[in-house]
PDB file of N, CA and C in Angstrom:
ATOM      1  N   MET A   1     150.472 130.702  84.614  1.00  0.00           N
ATOM      2  CA  MET A   1     150.357 129.625  83.652  1.00  0.00           C
ATOM      3  C   MET A   1     151.744 129.387  83.053  1.00  0.00           C
ATOM      4  N   SER A   2     152.061 128.123  82.884  1.00  0.00           N
ATOM      5  CA  SER A   2     153.308 127.757  82.225  1.00  0.00           C
ATOM      6  C   SER A   2     152.972 126.792  81.094  1.00  0.00           C
ATOM      7  N   SER A   3     153.990 126.371  80.365  1.00  0.00           N
ATOM      8  CA  SER A   3     153.717 125.442  79.282  1.00  0.00           C
ATOM      9  C   SER A   3     154.772 124.347  79.247  1.00  0.00           C
ATOM     10  N   VAL A   4     154.329 123.175  78.846  1.00  0.00           N
ATOM     11  CA  VAL A   4     155.198 122.017  78.668  1.00  0.00           C
ATOM     12  C   VAL A   4     154.888 121.444  77.301  1.00  0.00           C
ATOM     13  N   ASP A   5     155.891 121.369  76.460  1.00  0.00           N
ATOM     14  CA  ASP A   5     155.701 120.848  75.098  1.00  0.00           C
ATOM     15  C   ASP A   5     154.578 121.567  74.359  1.00  0.00           C
ATOM     16  N   GLY A   6     154.472 122.882  74.570  1.00  0.00           N
ATOM     17  CA  GLY A   6     153.466 123.667  73.876  1.00  0.00           C
ATOM     18  C   GLY A   6     152.066 123.546  74.446  1.00  0.00           C
ATOM     19  N   LYS A   7     151.871 122.757  75.513  1.00  0.00           N
ATOM     20  CA  LYS A   7     150.551 122.614  76.130  1.00  0.00           C
ATOM     21  C   LYS A   7     150.467 123.556  77.321  1.00  0.00           C
ATOM     22  N   ARG A   8     149.316 124.189  77.477  1.00  0.00           N
ATOM     23  CA  ARG A   8     149.127 125.112  78.589  1.00  0.00           C
ATOM     24  C   ARG A   8     149.002 124.340  79.892  1.00  0.00           C
ATOM     25  N   MET A   9     149.746 124.773  80.892  1.00  0.00           N
ATOM     26  CA  MET A   9     149.708 124.151  82.207  1.00  0.00           C
ATOM     27  C   MET A   9     149.332 125.232  83.215  1.00  0.00           C
ATOM     28  N   PHE A  10     148.246 125.043  83.927  1.00  0.00           N
ATOM     29  CA  PHE A  10     147.798 126.026  84.892  1.00  0.00           C
ATOM     30  C   PHE A  10     148.379 125.716  86.265  1.00  0.00           C
ATOM     31  N   TRP A  11     148.423 126.716  87.111  1.00  0.00           N
ATOM     32  CA  TRP A  11     148.935 126.555  88.465  1.00  0.00           C
ATOM     33  C   TRP A  11     148.070 125.584  89.243  1.00  0.00           C
ATOM     34  N   SER A  12     148.667 124.959  90.252  1.00  0.00           N
ATOM     35  CA  SER A  12     147.922 124.126  91.196  1.00  0.00           C
ATOM     36  C   SER A  12     147.632 124.988  92.422  1.00  0.00           C
ATOM     37  N   HIS A  13     146.441 124.848  92.965  1.00  0.00           N
ATOM     38  CA  HIS A  13     146.051 125.612  94.148  1.00  0.00           C
ATOM     39  C   HIS A  13     145.660 124.651  95.262  1.00  0.00           C
ATOM     40  N   PHE A  14     146.068 124.982  96.483  1.00  0.00           N
ATOM     41  CA  PHE A  14     145.774 124.151  97.645  1.00  0.00           C
ATOM     42  C   PHE A  14     145.239 125.025  98.765  1.00  0.00           C
ATOM     43  N   ARG A  15     144.158 124.580  99.390  1.00  0.00           N
ATOM     44  CA  ARG A  15     143.609 125.292 100.546  1.00  0.00           C
ATOM     45  C   ARG A  15     144.298 124.758 101.789  1.00  0.00           C
ATOM     46  N   VAL A  16     144.885 125.651 102.571  1.00  0.00           N
ATOM     47  CA  VAL A  16     145.623 125.268 103.773  1.00  0.00           C
ATOM     48  C   VAL A  16     145.019 126.024 104.951  1.00  0.00           C
ATOM     49  N   GLY A  17     144.614 125.279 105.976  1.00  0.00           N
ATOM     50  CA  GLY A  17     144.048 125.884 107.178  1.00  0.00           C
ATOM     51  C   GLY A  17     144.967 125.663 108.362  1.00  0.00           C
ATOM     52  N   PHE A  18     144.981 126.614 109.261  1.00  0.00           N
ATOM     53  CA  PHE A  18     145.788 126.531 110.471  1.00  0.00           C
ATOM     54  C   PHE A  18     144.840 126.484 111.662  1.00  0.00           C
ATOM     55  N   TYR A  19     144.911 125.398 112.436  1.00  0.00           N
ATOM     56  CA  TYR A  19     143.996 125.199 113.552  1.00  0.00           C
ATOM     57  C   TYR A  19     144.784 124.823 114.793  1.00  0.00           C
ATOM     58  N   GLY A  20     144.498 125.505 115.869  1.00  0.00           N
ATOM     59  CA  GLY A  20     145.147 125.207 117.140  1.00  0.00           C
ATOM     60  C   GLY A  20     145.829 126.449 117.694  1.00  0.00           C
ATOM     61  N   LEU A  21     145.967 126.484 119.002  1.00  0.00           N
ATOM     62  CA  LEU A  21     146.541 127.640 119.685  1.00  0.00           C
ATOM     63  C   LEU A  21     147.985 127.898 119.299  1.00  0.00           C
ATOM     64  N   LYS A  22     148.700 126.849 118.896  1.00  0.00           N
ATOM     65  CA  LYS A  22     150.115 127.026 118.545  1.00  0.00           C
ATOM     66  C   LYS A  22     150.322 127.971 117.365  1.00  0.00           C
ATOM     67  N   PHE A  23     149.257 128.205 116.573  1.00  0.00           N
ATOM     68  CA  PHE A  23     149.368 129.085 115.414  1.00  0.00           C
ATOM     69  C   PHE A  23     149.016 130.537 115.737  1.00  0.00           C
ATOM     70  N   GLY A  24     148.703 130.821 116.979  1.00  0.00           N
ATOM     71  CA  GLY A  24     148.445 132.197 117.404  1.00  0.00           C
ATOM     72  C   GLY A  24     147.346 132.862 116.592  1.00  0.00           C
ATOM     73  N   ASP A  25     147.655 134.011 115.980  1.00  0.00           N
ATOM     74  CA  ASP A  25     146.664 134.777 115.215  1.00  0.00           C
ATOM     75  C   ASP A  25     146.167 134.036 113.975  1.00  0.00           C
ATOM     76  N   LEU A  26     146.890 133.037 113.528  1.00  0.00           N
ATOM     77  CA  LEU A  26     146.474 132.274 112.343  1.00  0.00           C
ATOM     78  C   LEU A  26     145.458 131.186 112.668  1.00  0.00           C
ATOM     79  N   ASP A  27     145.230 130.912 113.963  1.00  0.00           N
ATOM     80  CA  ASP A  27     144.307 129.850 114.375  1.00  0.00           C
ATOM     81  C   ASP A  27     142.943 130.049 113.728  1.00  0.00           C
ATOM     82  N   GLY A  28     142.492 129.038 113.023  1.00  0.00           N
ATOM     83  CA  GLY A  28     141.179 129.060 112.382  1.00  0.00           C
ATOM     84  C   GLY A  28     141.147 129.721 111.013  1.00  0.00           C
ATOM     85  N   GLN A  29     142.277 130.210 110.538  1.00  0.00           N
ATOM     86  CA  GLN A  29     142.301 130.865 109.237  1.00  0.00           C
ATOM     87  C   GLN A  29     142.725 129.891 108.142  1.00  0.00           C
ATOM     88  N   GLU A  30     142.201 130.118 106.957  1.00  0.00           N
ATOM     89  CA  GLU A  30     142.543 129.304 105.799  1.00  0.00           C
ATOM     90  C   GLU A  30     143.091 130.197 104.694  1.00  0.00           C
ATOM     91  N   PHE A  31     144.040 129.645 103.938  1.00  0.00           N
ATOM     92  CA  PHE A  31     144.678 130.378 102.857  1.00  0.00           C
ATOM     93  C   PHE A  31     144.751 129.485 101.629  1.00  0.00           C
ATOM     94  N   VAL A  32     144.849 130.088 100.463  1.00  0.00           N
ATOM     95  CA  VAL A  32     145.034 129.335  99.225  1.00  0.00           C
ATOM     96  C   VAL A  32     146.485 129.505  98.795  1.00  0.00           C
ATOM     97  N   TYR A  33     147.190 128.394  98.688  1.00  0.00           N
ATOM     98  CA  TYR A  33     148.582 128.404  98.255  1.00  0.00           C
ATOM     99  C   TYR A  33     148.633 128.103  96.769  1.00  0.00           C
ATOM    100  N   LYS A  34     149.338 128.926  96.041  1.00  0.00           N
ATOM    101  CA  LYS A  34     149.503 128.748  94.598  1.00  0.00           C
ATOM    102  C   LYS A  34     150.851 128.089  94.361  1.00  0.00           C
ATOM    103  N   GLU A  35     150.840 126.962  93.707  1.00  0.00           N
ATOM    104  CA  GLU A  35     152.045 126.176  93.456  1.00  0.00           C
ATOM    105  C   GLU A  35     152.230 125.988  91.951  1.00  0.00           C
ATOM    106  N   PRO A  36     153.448 125.689  91.529  1.00  0.00           N
ATOM    107  CA  PRO A  36     153.682 125.429  90.101  1.00  0.00           C
ATOM    108  C   PRO A  36     152.795 124.297  89.576  1.00  0.00           C
ATOM    109  N   ALA A  37     152.552 124.323  88.286  1.00  0.00           N
ATOM    110  CA  ALA A  37     151.726 123.289  87.653  1.00  0.00           C
ATOM    111  C   ALA A  37     152.247 121.901  87.987  1.00  0.00           C
ATOM    112  N   LEU A  38     151.352 120.975  88.101  1.00  0.00           N
ATOM    113  CA  LEU A  38     151.637 119.561  88.360  1.00  0.00           C
ATOM    114  C   LEU A  38     152.156 119.271  89.754  1.00  0.00           C
ATOM    115  N   THR A  39     152.072 120.218  90.694  1.00  0.00           N
ATOM    116  CA  THR A  39     152.430 119.947  92.085  1.00  0.00           C
ATOM    117  C   THR A  39     151.385 119.004  92.663  1.00  0.00           C
ATOM    118  N   LYS A  40     151.826 117.955  93.308  1.00  0.00           N
ATOM    119  CA  LYS A  40     150.930 116.944  93.884  1.00  0.00           C
ATOM    120  C   LYS A  40     150.630 117.262  95.345  1.00  0.00           C
ATOM    121  N   LEU A  41     149.488 116.798  95.822  1.00  0.00           N
ATOM    122  CA  LEU A  41     149.093 116.998  97.209  1.00  0.00           C
ATOM    123  C   LEU A  41     150.132 116.426  98.166  1.00  0.00           C
ATOM    124  N   ALA A  42     150.664 115.256  97.864  1.00  0.00           N
ATOM    125  CA  ALA A  42     151.661 114.632  98.733  1.00  0.00           C
ATOM    126  C   ALA A  42     152.914 115.503  98.858  1.00  0.00           C
ATOM    127  N   GLU A  43     153.274 116.177  97.794  1.00  0.00           N
ATOM    128  CA  GLU A  43     154.467 117.028  97.803  1.00  0.00           C
ATOM    129  C   GLU A  43     154.282 118.237  98.713  1.00  0.00           C
ATOM    130  N   ILE A  44     153.168 118.935  98.581  1.00  0.00           N
ATOM    131  CA  ILE A  44     152.959 120.108  99.419  1.00  0.00           C
ATOM    132  C   ILE A  44     152.707 119.700 100.864  1.00  0.00           C
ATOM    133  N   SER A  45     152.050 118.569 101.085  1.00  0.00           N
ATOM    134  CA  SER A  45     151.839 118.074 102.446  1.00  0.00           C
ATOM    135  C   SER A  45     153.163 117.806 103.135  1.00  0.00           C
ATOM    136  N   SER A  46     154.075 117.169 102.427  1.00  0.00           N
ATOM    137  CA  SER A  46     155.387 116.866 102.983  1.00  0.00           C
ATOM    138  C   SER A  46     156.151 118.146 103.327  1.00  0.00           C
ATOM    139  N   ARG A  47     156.116 119.113 102.436  1.00  0.00           N
ATOM    140  CA  ARG A  47     156.817 120.387 102.685  1.00  0.00           C
ATOM    141  C   ARG A  47     156.231 121.118 103.882  1.00  0.00           C
ATOM    142  N   LEU A  48     154.902 121.108 104.010  1.00  0.00           N
ATOM    143  CA  LEU A  48     154.267 121.779 105.145  1.00  0.00           C
ATOM    144  C   LEU A  48     154.607 121.078 106.456  1.00  0.00           C
ATOM    145  N   GLU A  49     154.600 119.756 106.453  1.00  0.00           N
ATOM    146  CA  GLU A  49     154.942 119.018 107.672  1.00  0.00           C
ATOM    147  C   GLU A  49     156.375 119.299 108.111  1.00  0.00           C
ATOM    148  N   MET A  50     157.296 119.429 107.162  1.00  0.00           N
ATOM    149  CA  MET A  50     158.686 119.734 107.510  1.00  0.00           C
ATOM    150  C   MET A  50     158.817 121.174 108.018  1.00  0.00           C
ATOM    151  N   ALA A  51     158.093 122.101 107.420  1.00  0.00           N
ATOM    152  CA  ALA A  51     158.195 123.507 107.804  1.00  0.00           C
ATOM    153  C   ALA A  51     157.497 123.792 109.135  1.00  0.00           C
ATOM    154  N   LEU A  52     156.431 123.069 109.413  1.00  0.00           N
ATOM    155  CA  LEU A  52     155.641 123.298 110.622  1.00  0.00           C
ATOM    156  C   LEU A  52     155.810 122.114 111.570  1.00  0.00           C
ATOM    157  N   GLU A  53     156.917 122.093 112.286  1.00  0.00           N
ATOM    158  CA  GLU A  53     157.220 120.981 113.181  1.00  0.00           C
ATOM    159  C   GLU A  53     156.104 120.785 114.203  1.00  0.00           C
ATOM    160  N   ASP A  54     155.932 119.562 114.649  1.00  0.00           N
ATOM    161  CA  ASP A  54     154.909 119.192 115.635  1.00  0.00           C
ATOM    162  C   ASP A  54     153.500 119.517 115.166  1.00  0.00           C
ATOM    163  N   SER A  55     153.278 119.443 113.868  1.00  0.00           N
ATOM    164  CA  SER A  55     151.959 119.669 113.293  1.00  0.00           C
ATOM    165  C   SER A  55     151.565 118.429 112.509  1.00  0.00           C
ATOM    166  N   SER A  56     150.308 118.352 112.159  1.00  0.00           N
ATOM    167  CA  SER A  56     149.881 117.236 111.333  1.00  0.00           C
ATOM    168  C   SER A  56     149.040 117.763 110.185  1.00  0.00           C
ATOM    169  N   VAL A  57     149.039 117.022 109.115  1.00  0.00           N
ATOM    170  CA  VAL A  57     148.273 117.378 107.925  1.00  0.00           C
ATOM    171  C   VAL A  57     147.017 116.525 107.902  1.00  0.00           C
ATOM    172  N   VAL A  58     145.869 117.177 107.760  1.00  0.00           N
ATOM    173  CA  VAL A  58     144.593 116.476 107.652  1.00  0.00           C
ATOM    174  C   VAL A  58     144.262 116.410 106.171  1.00  0.00           C
ATOM    175  N   GLN A  59     144.114 115.212 105.669  1.00  0.00           N
ATOM    176  CA  GLN A  59     143.838 115.028 104.245  1.00  0.00           C
ATOM    177  C   GLN A  59     142.436 115.530 103.906  1.00  0.00           C
ATOM    178  N   PRO A  60     142.220 115.947 102.668  1.00  0.00           N
ATOM    179  CA  PRO A  60     140.957 116.578 102.287  1.00  0.00           C
ATOM    180  C   PRO A  60     139.738 115.667 102.360  1.00  0.00           C
ATOM    181  N   ASP A  61     139.936 114.383 102.427  1.00  0.00           N
ATOM    182  CA  ASP A  61     138.792 113.477 102.481  1.00  0.00           C
ATOM    183  C   ASP A  61     138.354 113.214 103.925  1.00  0.00           C
ATOM    184  N   ARG A  62     138.907 113.949 104.876  1.00  0.00           N
ATOM    185  CA  ARG A  62     138.623 113.725 106.281  1.00  0.00           C
ATOM    186  C   ARG A  62     138.147 115.020 106.939  1.00  0.00           C
ATOM    187  N   GLU A  63     137.109 114.916 107.755  1.00  0.00           N
ATOM    188  CA  GLU A  63     136.607 116.069 108.496  1.00  0.00           C
ATOM    189  C   GLU A  63     137.556 116.371 109.655  1.00  0.00           C
ATOM    190  N   LEU A  64     137.780 117.640 109.927  1.00  0.00           N
ATOM    191  CA  LEU A  64     138.598 118.061 111.051  1.00  0.00           C
ATOM    192  C   LEU A  64     137.698 118.162 112.272  1.00  0.00           C
ATOM    193  N   GLU A  65     138.083 117.481 113.340  1.00  0.00           N
ATOM    194  CA  GLU A  65     137.301 117.506 114.567  1.00  0.00           C
ATOM    195  C   GLU A  65     138.098 118.189 115.661  1.00  0.00           C
ATOM    196  N   SER A  66     137.394 118.735 116.653  1.00  0.00           N
ATOM    197  CA  SER A  66     138.068 119.495 117.714  1.00  0.00           C
ATOM    198  C   SER A  66     139.076 118.629 118.456  1.00  0.00           C
ATOM    199  N   ARG A  67     138.828 117.339 118.609  1.00  0.00           N
ATOM    200  CA  ARG A  67     139.783 116.494 119.324  1.00  0.00           C
ATOM    201  C   ARG A  67     141.101 116.372 118.548  1.00  0.00           C
ATOM    202  N   ASP A  68     141.029 116.472 117.221  1.00  0.00           N
ATOM    203  CA  ASP A  68     142.239 116.461 116.409  1.00  0.00           C
ATOM    204  C   ASP A  68     143.090 117.695 116.709  1.00  0.00           C
ATOM    205  N   VAL A  69     142.453 118.845 116.776  1.00  0.00           N
ATOM    206  CA  VAL A  69     143.150 120.100 117.050  1.00  0.00           C
ATOM    207  C   VAL A  69     143.731 120.080 118.460  1.00  0.00           C
ATOM    208  N   ASP A  70     142.945 119.597 119.429  1.00  0.00           N
ATOM    209  CA  ASP A  70     143.420 119.532 120.811  1.00  0.00           C
ATOM    210  C   ASP A  70     144.617 118.627 120.953  1.00  0.00           C
ATOM    211  N   ALA A  71     144.639 117.510 120.237  1.00  0.00           N
ATOM    212  CA  ALA A  71     145.746 116.564 120.319  1.00  0.00           C
ATOM    213  C   ALA A  71     147.021 117.177 119.770  1.00  0.00           C
ATOM    214  N   VAL A  72     146.924 117.953 118.712  1.00  0.00           N
ATOM    215  CA  VAL A  72     148.100 118.574 118.095  1.00  0.00           C
ATOM    216  C   VAL A  72     148.546 119.770 118.914  1.00  0.00           C
ATOM    217  N   SER A  73     147.589 120.564 119.406  1.00  0.00           N
ATOM    218  CA  SER A  73     147.934 121.783 120.134  1.00  0.00           C
ATOM    219  C   SER A  73     148.520 121.482 121.508  1.00  0.00           C
ATOM    220  N   GLY A  74     148.048 120.354 122.115  1.00  0.00           N
ATOM    221  CA  GLY A  74     148.442 119.879 123.416  1.00  0.00           C
ATOM    222  C   GLY A  74     149.260 120.752 124.165  1.00  0.00           C
TER     223      GLY A  74
END
C-alpha cells in the first residue's frame, strides 16, 4: 500500500496466463502480478508485449480459444 496526498492507495493486481508451446513449462499456467497503485491495464499489456516478443495479449473481455493459442504458437 502506498499513499498519495494522504489517501491510501492499494496495489493493482493483474492475472497473467501463459498459453502455447513457446512458453514451455509455463504453458497453461496463470500468475497474479502485483503492480504499483494506479497501474493501468494498457500499461502492463504494453510492457508484457515488449518483453514477450511474438506473443499477443488477450484482453479480459474476450474468451481464449485454442485457435488463438495455435496461431501464436505456430
